[in-house]
Amino acid sequence: MADPRSFLDNLANLHLVMSVALEHLQGNRDEFAATSAREHVTQAQTLVGKIRSLGAELEKEFQALESLVAEQRHLM
């Protein structure tokens, strides 16, 4: 079983990584779209699809976590 501090640290790390990734994407997307070769655009499209799938899975996990926490609070 993962200890609560480790779980919270992982959530904080996920937040940090996603924040940096978003900042990088926002800062570079226009130049990428304007200057990239077709091969790079195809790779980007593939990666965006994979990231969207992960985002959907994360949303499901967040909903499950929120539901479990709410259930535990209700029992207290």
C-alpha atoms as a PDB file:
ATOM      1  CA  MET A   1       0.000   0.000   0.000  1.00  0.00           C
ATOM      2  CA  ALA A   2       1.312   3.449  -0.910  1.00  0.00           C
ATOM      3  CA  ASP A   3       1.668   5.801   2.006  1.00  0.00           C
ATOM      4  CA  PRO A   4      -0.375   9.045   1.844  1.00  0.00           C
ATOM      5  CA  ARG A   5       2.681  11.330   1.645  1.00  0.00           C
ATOM      6  CA  SER A   6       4.040   9.436  -1.352  1.00  0.00           C
ATOM      7  CA  PHE A   7       0.638   9.586  -3.057  1.00  0.00           C
ATOM      8  CA  LEU A   8       0.437  13.341  -2.478  1.00  0.00           C
ATOM      9  CA  ASP A   9       4.007  13.791  -3.714  1.00  0.00           C
ATOM     10  CA  ASN A  10       3.102  11.936  -6.908  1.00  0.00           C
ATOM     11  CA  LEU A  11       0.071  14.179  -7.432  1.00  0.00           C
ATOM     12  CA  ALA A  12       2.231  17.273  -6.870  1.00  0.00           C
ATOM     13  CA  ASN A  13       4.805  15.963  -9.353  1.00  0.00           C
ATOM     14  CA  LEU A  14       2.069  15.292 -11.908  1.00  0.00           C
ATOM     15  CA  HIS A  15       0.841  18.852 -11.463  1.00  0.00           C
ATOM     16  CA  LEU A  16       4.328  20.253 -11.985  1.00  0.00           C
ATOM     17  CA  VAL A  17       5.033  18.159 -15.079  1.00  0.00           C
ATOM     18  CA  MET A  18       1.680  19.047 -16.616  1.00  0.00           C
ATOM     19  CA  SER A  19       2.195  22.755 -15.860  1.00  0.00           C
ATOM     20  CA  VAL A  20       5.593  22.778 -17.550  1.00  0.00           C
ATOM     21  CA  ALA A  21       4.281  20.807 -20.522  1.00  0.00           C
ATOM     22  CA  LEU A  22       1.363  23.205 -20.960  1.00  0.00           C
ATOM     23  CA  GLU A  23       3.635  26.232 -20.762  1.00  0.00           C
ATOM     24  CA  HIS A  24       5.972  24.721 -23.348  1.00  0.00           C
ATOM     25  CA  LEU A  25       3.097  23.812 -25.658  1.00  0.00           C
ATOM     26  CA  GLN A  26       1.597  27.290 -25.439  1.00  0.00           C
ATOM     27  CA  GLY A  27       4.954  28.908 -26.087  1.00  0.00           C
ATOM     28  CA  ASN A  28       5.909  26.804 -29.102  1.00  0.00           C
ATOM     29  CA  ARG A  29       2.788  25.564 -30.902  1.00  0.00           C
ATOM     30  CA  ASP A  30       2.524  28.414 -33.425  1.00  0.00           C
ATOM     31  CA  GLU A  31       6.147  28.143 -34.508  1.00  0.00           C
ATOM     32  CA  PHE A  32       5.904  24.353 -34.685  1.00  0.00           C
ATOM     33  CA  ALA A  33       2.795  24.521 -36.864  1.00  0.00           C
ATOM     34  CA  ALA A  34       4.396  27.095 -39.170  1.00  0.00           C
ATOM     35  CA  THR A  35       7.820  25.477 -39.604  1.00  0.00           C
ATOM     36  CA  SER A  36       7.488  21.706 -39.162  1.00  0.00           C
ATOM     37  CA  ALA A  37       7.869  19.124 -41.881  1.00  0.00           C
ATOM     38  CA  ARG A  38       4.929  16.843 -42.662  1.00  0.00           C
ATOM     39  CA  GLU A  39       6.657  13.956 -40.867  1.00  0.00           C
ATOM     40  CA  HIS A  40       6.889  15.982 -37.653  1.00  0.00           C
ATOM     41  CA  VAL A  41       3.266  17.080 -37.900  1.00  0.00           C
ATOM     42  CA  THR A  42       2.209  13.441 -38.281  1.00  0.00           C
ATOM     43  CA  GLN A  43       4.258  12.492 -35.215  1.00  0.00           C
ATOM     44  CA  ALA A  44       2.703  15.357 -33.267  1.00  0.00           C
ATOM     45  CA  GLN A  45      -0.795  14.248 -34.245  1.00  0.00           C
ATOM     46  CA  THR A  46      -0.055  10.705 -33.053  1.00  0.00           C
ATOM     47  CA  LEU A  47       1.337  11.967 -29.760  1.00  0.00           C
ATOM     48  CA  VAL A  48      -1.605  14.331 -29.227  1.00  0.00           C
ATOM     49  CA  GLY A  49      -3.968  11.376 -29.631  1.00  0.00           C
ATOM     50  CA  LYS A  50      -2.024   9.350 -27.073  1.00  0.00           C
ATOM     51  CA  ILE A  51      -1.948  12.280 -24.656  1.00  0.00           C
ATOM     52  CA  ARG A  52      -5.702  12.801 -25.045  1.00  0.00           C
ATOM     53  CA  SER A  53      -6.251   9.131 -24.188  1.00  0.00           C
ATOM     54  CA  LEU A  54      -4.102   9.514 -21.082  1.00  0.00           C
ATOM     55  CA  GLY A  55      -6.017  12.669 -20.184  1.00  0.00           C
ATOM     56  CA  ALA A  56      -9.289  10.769 -20.396  1.00  0.00           C
ATOM     57  CA  GLU A  57      -7.872   8.006 -18.189  1.00  0.00           C
ATOM     58  CA  LEU A  58      -6.617  10.591 -15.689  1.00  0.00           C
ATOM     59  CA  GLU A  59     -10.066  12.171 -15.556  1.00  0.00           C
ATOM     60  CA  LYS A  60     -11.602   8.758 -14.773  1.00  0.00           C
ATOM     61  CA  GLU A  61      -9.042   8.196 -12.024  1.00  0.00           C
ATOM     62  CA  PHE A  62      -9.632  11.652 -10.550  1.00  0.00           C
ATOM     63  CA  GLN A  63     -13.379  11.010 -10.498  1.00  0.00           C
ATOM     64  CA  ALA A  64     -12.854   7.637  -8.831  1.00  0.00           C
ATOM     65  CA  LEU A  65     -10.536   9.192  -6.241  1.00  0.00           C
ATOM     66  CA  GLU A  66     -12.985  12.007  -5.501  1.00  0.00           C
ATOM     67  CA  SER A  67     -15.799   9.492  -5.153  1.00  0.00           C
ATOM     68  CA  LEU A  68     -13.805   7.304  -2.761  1.00  0.00           C
ATOM     69  CA  VAL A  69     -12.759  10.282  -0.654  1.00  0.00           C
ATOM     70  CA  ALA A  70     -16.341  11.558  -0.485  1.00  0.00           C
ATOM     71  CA  GLU A  71     -17.512   8.078   0.527  1.00  0.00           C
ATOM     72  CA  GLN A  72     -14.876   7.864   3.282  1.00  0.00           C
ATOM     73  CA  ARG A  73     -15.827  11.319   4.594  1.00  0.00           C
ATOM     74  CA  HIS A  74     -19.470  10.310   4.625  1.00  0.00           C
ATOM     75  CA  LEU A  75     -18.620   7.262   6.763  1.00  0.00           C
ATOM     76  CA  MET A  76     -16.735   9.377   9.329  1.00  0.00           C
END
